Amino acid sequence: MINAGNKGRGRIRKPLALLSALLLVSGLLAACGTNADAPEAQASKQETAAQNNAADAEKSKAEQASIYPLTVKDELGHEVTIPAKPTKVFAPVMEDSLLTLGIKPVRQWSNGVSPQEYLQDQLGSVPQISFAGGQPSFEAILESQPDLIILHNAYAAENGVYEQYAKIAPTYVFKSASTDLNSSIRELGKLLGEEDRAAQAIKDYADKVTNAKAKLEGITKGKKAAIIRFNAKGMFFMNSDYFSGYVLAHELGFEPSSLVKGGAFEVSLEILPELDADYIFLVNDGNQGDRFVKELKESEVWKNVPAVKNGRVFETSNDYWLSGGFIAQSKVMDDVVRFLQP
């Protein structure tokens, strides 16, 4: 005998099972349809994104172009008019700052032996121009057809140099671009139509300084440092107003040695007993000062300097210790952190 309740439930289950099957098939078909449409939808999204990026780029170019012709006064008071966004820039010794703004120069500075080695991963294909004998020929610069010339300090514009450069292209002169990098980067950004990049570079560098100081917290406080530079002419203390000296004194918080404060920039064995630095950094300029490094290390006076006895002397031959710019100074910070961090 069949139970009437079970028979009724059986009748209910069949429509439910059929409905479930239909729903499952519909879901599978919908999923298949979605998957089939996915590549086309994705391609459409990518195309739209590319179009938006292209539109943004064109808008950015238009905004940059709108500031030209640009007339400014340089730091020596010359009125400089830049007719259009520069594309061929000659800025000897300022290649670091140009690269920070994403710009390659038409020629790169060289000391006659080598260019700035730490930048060659980006400047390897850029022709060099030697400043070994002083100012290079204006004809060589003219061949590059620069549309903007930038001189890094007032000294570089002396003895009629500015007037000669100004005949080639609009020429802007800094009093000393390396003593206030934030200011010079901002001004470069303005001249080159790269103000947003300049602002970002300044922020990134400030973050770098903050991170480096945090890593050296407790190590630099109240400590004095000295940098001795070696070259073919001898041994010299580096001033704390520029390059790696600036990084140590103004970014990382070291106090400069009293010898440097006092203005005794040439190093002699006779003044070594007065060297009151807790940390000493030796910078051999392109290994040109090998003879003087050897002479220093063999000196008994040197061996009795407290920093030497305490194992707080660090050596490098990297040229970014003798260069200005955010790239160089960031690398100096990396070195100091690596040297000193426990």
Protein backbone atom coordinates (compact mmCIF):
# COMPACT_ATOMS: atom_id res chain seq x y z
CA MET A 1 0.00 0.00 0.00
CA ILE A 2 1.34 3.42 -0.98
CA ASN A 3 1.17 6.13 1.60
CA ALA A 4 -0.85 9.07 0.26
CA GLY A 5 1.51 11.60 1.90
CA ASN A 6 4.59 10.11 0.26
CA LYS A 7 2.79 10.00 -3.09
CA GLY A 8 1.98 13.73 -2.80
CA ARG A 9 5.55 14.58 -1.91
CA GLY A 10 6.76 12.63 -4.92
CA ARG A 11 4.55 14.72 -7.18
CA ILE A 12 6.05 17.94 -5.68
CA ARG A 13 9.68 16.75 -6.00
CA LYS A 14 9.51 16.18 -9.76
CA PRO A 15 8.65 19.80 -10.69
CA LEU A 16 11.25 21.05 -8.20
CA ALA A 17 13.94 18.81 -9.67
CA LEU A 18 13.04 19.99 -13.17
CA LEU A 19 13.17 23.63 -12.07
CA SER A 20 16.58 23.13 -10.44
CA ALA A 21 17.93 21.53 -13.60
CA LEU A 22 16.64 24.39 -15.72
CA LEU A 23 18.23 26.95 -13.41
CA LEU A 24 21.54 25.09 -13.51
CA VAL A 25 21.54 24.98 -17.31
CA SER A 26 20.63 28.67 -17.48
CA GLY A 27 23.49 29.52 -15.11
CA LEU A 28 25.96 27.52 -17.17
CA LEU A 29 24.81 29.17 -20.37
CA ALA A 30 25.07 32.61 -18.75
CA ALA A 31 28.55 31.80 -17.49
CA CYS A 32 29.59 30.61 -20.93
CA GLY A 33 28.21 33.80 -22.42
CA THR A 34 30.10 35.88 -19.89
CA ASN A 35 33.35 34.02 -20.56
CA ALA A 36 32.85 34.38 -24.28
CA ASP A 37 32.31 38.09 -23.92
CA ALA A 38 35.24 38.60 -21.45
CA PRO A 39 38.08 39.03 -24.00
CA GLU A 40 36.04 41.53 -26.01
CA ALA A 41 35.02 43.42 -22.87
CA GLN A 42 38.60 43.40 -21.62
CA ALA A 43 39.91 44.63 -24.97
CA SER A 44 37.33 47.41 -24.96
CA LYS A 45 38.37 48.49 -21.47
CA GLN A 46 42.06 48.48 -22.47
CA GLU A 47 41.31 50.50 -25.59
CA THR A 48 39.34 53.03 -23.54
CA ALA A 49 42.17 53.28 -20.98
CA ALA A 50 44.72 53.79 -23.76
CA GLN A 51 42.58 56.51 -25.30
CA ASN A 52 42.23 58.22 -21.92
CA ASN A 53 45.99 58.03 -21.32
CA ALA A 54 46.67 59.46 -24.77
CA ALA A 55 44.19 62.25 -24.13
CA ASP A 56 45.83 63.02 -20.76
CA ALA A 57 49.26 63.08 -22.41
CA GLU A 58 48.07 65.47 -25.10
CA LYS A 59 46.44 67.65 -22.47
CA SER A 60 49.67 67.69 -20.46
CA LYS A 61 51.67 68.65 -23.57
CA ALA A 62 49.22 71.40 -24.34
CA GLU A 63 49.43 72.73 -20.78
CA GLN A 64 53.23 72.65 -20.92
CA ALA A 65 53.28 74.40 -24.29
CA SER A 66 50.92 77.10 -23.03
CA ILE A 67 53.58 78.57 -20.68
CA TYR A 68 55.84 79.42 -23.61
CA PRO A 69 57.25 81.77 -24.66
CA LEU A 70 58.57 82.04 -21.10
CA THR A 71 60.56 85.07 -19.94
CA VAL A 72 62.41 84.87 -16.62
CA LYS A 73 65.38 86.49 -14.89
CA ASP A 74 68.24 84.18 -13.99
CA GLU A 75 70.07 84.41 -10.67
CA LEU A 76 72.59 86.87 -12.09
CA GLY A 77 69.85 89.19 -13.34
CA HIS A 78 69.92 88.30 -17.04
CA GLU A 79 66.54 88.35 -18.76
CA VAL A 80 66.06 85.02 -20.51
CA THR A 81 63.29 84.25 -23.01
CA ILE A 82 62.59 80.60 -23.86
CA PRO A 83 60.37 80.53 -26.98
CA ALA A 84 59.14 76.92 -26.70
CA LYS A 85 59.47 73.89 -24.45
CA PRO A 86 63.17 72.96 -24.62
CA THR A 87 64.00 69.61 -26.18
CA LYS A 88 67.80 69.95 -26.57
CA VAL A 89 69.34 71.08 -23.29
CA PHE A 90 73.02 71.63 -22.52
CA ALA A 91 73.65 71.87 -18.76
CA PRO A 92 77.20 70.74 -17.89
CA VAL A 93 77.54 69.35 -14.31
CA MET A 94 73.74 69.44 -13.93
CA GLU A 95 73.04 66.15 -15.68
CA ASP A 96 71.93 64.61 -12.38
CA SER A 97 69.15 67.18 -11.96
CA LEU A 98 68.10 66.91 -15.61
CA LEU A 99 67.72 63.14 -15.30
CA THR A 100 65.72 63.63 -12.12
CA LEU A 101 63.21 65.49 -14.31
CA GLY A 102 63.32 62.81 -17.01
CA ILE A 103 65.42 64.81 -19.47
CA LYS A 104 68.62 63.74 -21.23
CA PRO A 105 71.05 66.50 -22.26
CA VAL A 106 72.47 66.84 -25.78
CA ARG A 107 76.04 66.60 -24.41
CA GLN A 108 77.39 65.48 -21.03
CA TRP A 109 80.19 66.96 -18.96
CA SER A 110 83.52 65.12 -18.71
CA ASN A 111 86.70 65.90 -16.78
CA GLY A 112 88.71 64.76 -19.78
CA VAL A 113 89.20 61.27 -18.37
CA SER A 114 85.66 60.17 -17.70
CA PRO A 115 82.12 61.54 -17.37
CA GLN A 116 80.06 61.16 -14.20
CA GLU A 117 80.25 57.39 -13.94
CA TYR A 118 77.25 56.97 -11.65
CA LEU A 119 74.96 58.34 -14.37
CA GLN A 120 76.20 56.21 -17.25
CA ASP A 121 73.38 53.70 -16.98
CA GLN A 122 71.21 56.54 -18.32
CA LEU A 123 73.75 58.68 -20.20
CA GLY A 124 75.91 56.04 -21.84
CA SER A 125 74.80 57.03 -25.34
CA VAL A 126 75.09 60.81 -24.80
CA PRO A 127 78.24 62.38 -26.35
CA GLN A 128 80.79 63.72 -23.87
CA ILE A 129 82.38 67.15 -23.91
CA SER A 130 85.63 67.69 -22.02
CA PHE A 131 86.14 70.53 -19.55
CA ALA A 132 89.67 69.31 -18.67
CA GLY A 133 91.34 72.39 -20.12
CA GLY A 134 88.65 74.78 -18.99
CA GLN A 135 85.88 76.01 -21.23
CA PRO A 136 85.41 73.77 -24.31
CA SER A 137 85.17 75.35 -27.74
CA PHE A 138 81.92 77.14 -28.46
CA GLU A 139 81.93 75.54 -31.89
CA ALA A 140 81.61 72.10 -30.31
CA ILE A 141 78.61 73.27 -28.30
CA LEU A 142 77.07 74.97 -31.31
CA GLU A 143 77.22 71.67 -33.22
CA SER A 144 74.77 70.18 -30.71
CA GLN A 145 72.25 72.94 -31.54
CA PRO A 146 70.92 73.31 -27.96
CA ASP A 147 67.71 75.28 -27.53
CA LEU A 148 68.53 76.03 -23.86
CA ILE A 149 71.86 76.32 -22.00
CA ILE A 150 72.00 76.16 -18.20
CA LEU A 151 75.13 77.03 -16.18
CA HIS A 152 75.38 75.62 -12.67
CA ASN A 153 77.18 78.54 -11.01
CA ALA A 154 78.24 82.14 -11.53
CA TYR A 155 81.89 81.20 -12.03
CA ALA A 156 80.95 79.20 -15.15
CA ALA A 157 79.60 82.39 -16.75
CA GLU A 158 82.67 84.58 -16.18
CA ASN A 159 85.21 85.98 -18.64
CA GLY A 160 82.76 86.47 -21.47
CA VAL A 161 81.48 82.89 -21.39
CA TYR A 162 77.88 83.94 -20.77
CA GLU A 163 77.89 86.31 -23.72
CA GLN A 164 79.22 83.57 -26.02
CA TYR A 165 76.69 81.03 -24.80
CA ALA A 166 73.83 83.51 -25.12
CA LYS A 167 74.64 83.83 -28.84
CA ILE A 168 74.06 80.09 -29.24
CA ALA A 169 70.82 79.71 -27.27
CA PRO A 170 68.87 81.22 -24.34
CA THR A 171 71.21 80.86 -21.36
CA TYR A 172 70.19 80.68 -17.69
CA VAL A 173 72.78 80.99 -14.89
CA PHE A 174 72.45 79.82 -11.28
CA LYS A 175 74.56 81.47 -8.59
CA SER A 176 75.21 78.01 -7.15
CA ALA A 177 72.72 75.30 -8.06
CA SER A 178 74.22 72.71 -5.70
CA THR A 179 73.82 74.72 -2.47
CA ASP A 180 70.01 74.61 -2.52
CA LEU A 181 68.88 71.66 -4.60
CA ASN A 182 65.19 72.08 -3.80
CA SER A 183 65.27 75.61 -5.17
CA SER A 184 67.31 74.73 -8.27
CA ILE A 185 65.14 71.69 -9.06
CA ARG A 186 62.01 73.86 -8.81
CA GLU A 187 63.56 76.44 -11.14
CA LEU A 188 64.63 73.75 -13.61
CA GLY A 189 61.10 72.37 -13.55
CA LYS A 190 59.77 75.81 -14.41
CA LEU A 191 62.26 76.38 -17.25
CA LEU A 192 61.71 72.94 -18.75
CA GLY A 193 57.94 72.70 -18.32
CA GLU A 194 58.30 69.89 -15.77
CA GLU A 195 57.01 71.51 -12.59
CA ASP A 196 54.98 68.46 -11.52
CA ARG A 197 58.03 66.21 -11.86
CA ALA A 198 60.10 68.69 -9.89
CA ALA A 199 57.58 68.75 -7.04
CA GLN A 200 57.47 64.94 -6.97
CA ALA A 201 61.27 64.70 -6.98
CA ILE A 202 61.53 67.05 -4.02
CA LYS A 203 58.96 65.00 -2.09
CA ASP A 204 60.68 61.70 -2.92
CA TYR A 205 64.05 63.05 -1.81
CA ALA A 206 62.60 64.37 1.47
CA ASP A 207 61.14 60.90 2.11
CA LYS A 208 64.56 59.39 1.40
CA VAL A 209 66.18 61.70 3.97
CA THR A 210 63.54 60.84 6.57
CA ASN A 211 64.06 57.10 6.06
CA ALA A 212 67.86 57.36 6.21
CA LYS A 213 67.77 59.44 9.41
CA ALA A 214 65.43 56.90 11.01
CA LYS A 215 67.88 54.10 10.21
CA LEU A 216 70.78 56.07 11.72
CA GLU A 217 68.87 57.27 14.76
CA GLY A 218 71.16 57.23 17.78
CA ILE A 219 74.30 56.92 15.64
CA THR A 220 74.69 60.45 14.28
CA LYS A 221 73.38 62.46 17.22
CA GLY A 222 76.16 64.58 18.70
CA LYS A 223 78.77 62.94 16.47
CA LYS A 224 81.23 64.77 14.23
CA ALA A 225 82.23 63.69 10.76
CA ALA A 226 84.91 64.65 8.25
CA ILE A 227 85.32 63.83 4.57
CA ILE A 228 88.83 63.76 3.13
CA ARG A 229 89.04 63.96 -0.65
CA PHE A 230 92.09 62.64 -2.50
CA ASN A 231 93.07 63.64 -6.03
CA ALA A 232 96.24 64.05 -8.08
CA LYS A 233 97.10 67.24 -6.17
CA GLY A 234 96.81 65.96 -2.62
CA MET A 235 94.37 65.62 0.29
CA PHE A 236 91.57 68.06 1.13
CA PHE A 237 88.74 68.34 3.62
CA MET A 238 85.34 68.66 1.97
CA ASN A 239 83.20 71.61 2.93
CA SER A 240 79.84 70.84 4.57
CA ASP A 241 78.02 73.25 2.27
CA TYR A 242 77.83 71.04 -0.82
CA PHE A 243 77.86 67.51 -2.24
CA SER A 244 78.44 64.66 0.23
CA GLY A 245 79.55 67.16 2.88
CA TYR A 246 76.09 68.72 2.73
CA VAL A 247 74.44 65.31 3.03
CA LEU A 248 76.33 64.43 6.20
CA ALA A 249 75.91 67.80 7.91
CA HIS A 250 72.47 68.94 6.77
CA GLU A 251 70.57 65.76 5.87
CA LEU A 252 71.90 63.11 8.24
CA GLY A 253 72.66 65.30 11.24
CA PHE A 254 76.43 64.93 11.71
CA GLU A 255 78.30 67.91 13.07
CA PRO A 256 81.28 68.93 10.93
CA SER A 257 84.75 68.61 12.36
CA SER A 258 86.05 71.84 13.90
CA LEU A 259 88.90 71.77 11.37
CA VAL A 260 86.39 72.09 8.55
CA LYS A 261 84.45 74.75 10.43
CA GLY A 262 87.69 76.67 10.85
CA GLY A 263 88.34 76.68 7.12
CA ALA A 264 91.47 74.46 7.07
CA PHE A 265 90.63 72.62 3.87
CA GLU A 266 94.02 71.22 2.92
CA VAL A 267 94.97 68.14 4.91
CA SER A 268 98.51 67.80 6.21
CA LEU A 269 99.97 65.20 8.53
CA GLU A 270 100.81 67.99 10.97
CA ILE A 271 97.15 68.88 11.64
CA LEU A 272 95.87 65.31 11.93
CA PRO A 273 96.19 65.27 15.76
CA GLU A 274 93.57 68.07 15.75
CA LEU A 275 91.09 66.02 13.72
CA ASP A 276 88.19 65.65 16.15
CA ALA A 277 85.85 63.63 13.91
CA ASP A 278 84.08 60.56 15.31
CA TYR A 279 83.67 59.24 11.76
CA ILE A 280 85.96 59.83 8.78
CA PHE A 281 85.08 59.16 5.16
CA LEU A 282 87.87 58.88 2.57
CA VAL A 283 86.92 59.69 -1.04
CA ASN A 284 89.54 58.84 -3.66
CA ASP A 285 88.60 60.83 -6.77
CA GLY A 286 88.76 58.26 -9.57
CA ASN A 287 91.68 56.62 -7.74
CA GLN A 288 93.80 59.60 -8.79
CA GLY A 289 94.90 60.08 -5.20
CA ASP A 290 96.28 56.57 -4.60
CA ARG A 291 99.72 57.92 -3.69
CA PHE A 292 98.32 60.24 -1.04
CA VAL A 293 96.01 57.57 0.39
CA LYS A 294 99.02 55.28 0.80
CA GLU A 295 101.06 58.06 2.40
CA LEU A 296 98.26 58.81 4.86
CA LYS A 297 97.68 55.20 5.87
CA GLU A 298 101.38 54.58 6.47
CA SER A 299 101.68 57.58 8.77
CA GLU A 300 102.01 56.88 12.50
CA VAL A 301 100.15 60.12 13.16
CA TRP A 302 97.17 58.81 11.18
CA LYS A 303 97.19 55.50 13.01
CA ASN A 304 96.73 57.38 16.30
CA VAL A 305 93.72 59.43 15.19
CA PRO A 306 90.80 58.33 17.47
CA ALA A 307 88.43 57.50 14.58
CA VAL A 308 91.13 55.30 13.03
CA LYS A 309 91.81 53.50 16.30
CA ASN A 310 88.07 52.95 16.79
CA GLY A 311 87.55 51.49 13.32
CA ARG A 312 85.35 54.37 12.17
CA VAL A 313 87.03 55.16 8.86
CA PHE A 314 85.21 54.30 5.63
CA GLU A 315 86.51 54.45 2.07
CA THR A 316 84.92 54.97 -1.33
CA SER A 317 86.01 55.94 -4.82
CA ASN A 318 82.48 56.49 -6.11
CA ASP A 319 82.20 59.81 -7.94
CA TYR A 320 78.73 60.57 -6.59
CA TRP A 321 80.40 61.59 -3.32
CA LEU A 322 81.83 64.50 -5.32
CA SER A 323 78.67 65.36 -7.25
CA GLY A 324 75.51 67.34 -6.64
CA GLY A 325 71.95 66.27 -7.36
CA PHE A 326 69.26 64.10 -5.84
CA ILE A 327 70.57 60.94 -7.51
CA ALA A 328 74.11 61.45 -6.18
CA GLN A 329 73.06 62.48 -2.70
CA SER A 330 70.62 59.59 -2.41
CA LYS A 331 73.47 57.21 -3.21
CA VAL A 332 75.67 58.87 -0.56
CA MET A 333 72.91 58.31 2.01
CA ASP A 334 72.68 54.66 1.01
CA ASP A 335 76.45 54.30 1.52
CA VAL A 336 76.43 55.94 4.94
CA VAL A 337 73.54 53.76 6.12
CA ARG A 338 75.39 50.67 4.84
CA PHE A 339 78.66 51.76 6.51
CA LEU A 340 77.21 52.65 9.91
CA GLN A 341 74.03 50.67 10.49
CA PRO A 342 74.66 47.80 12.94
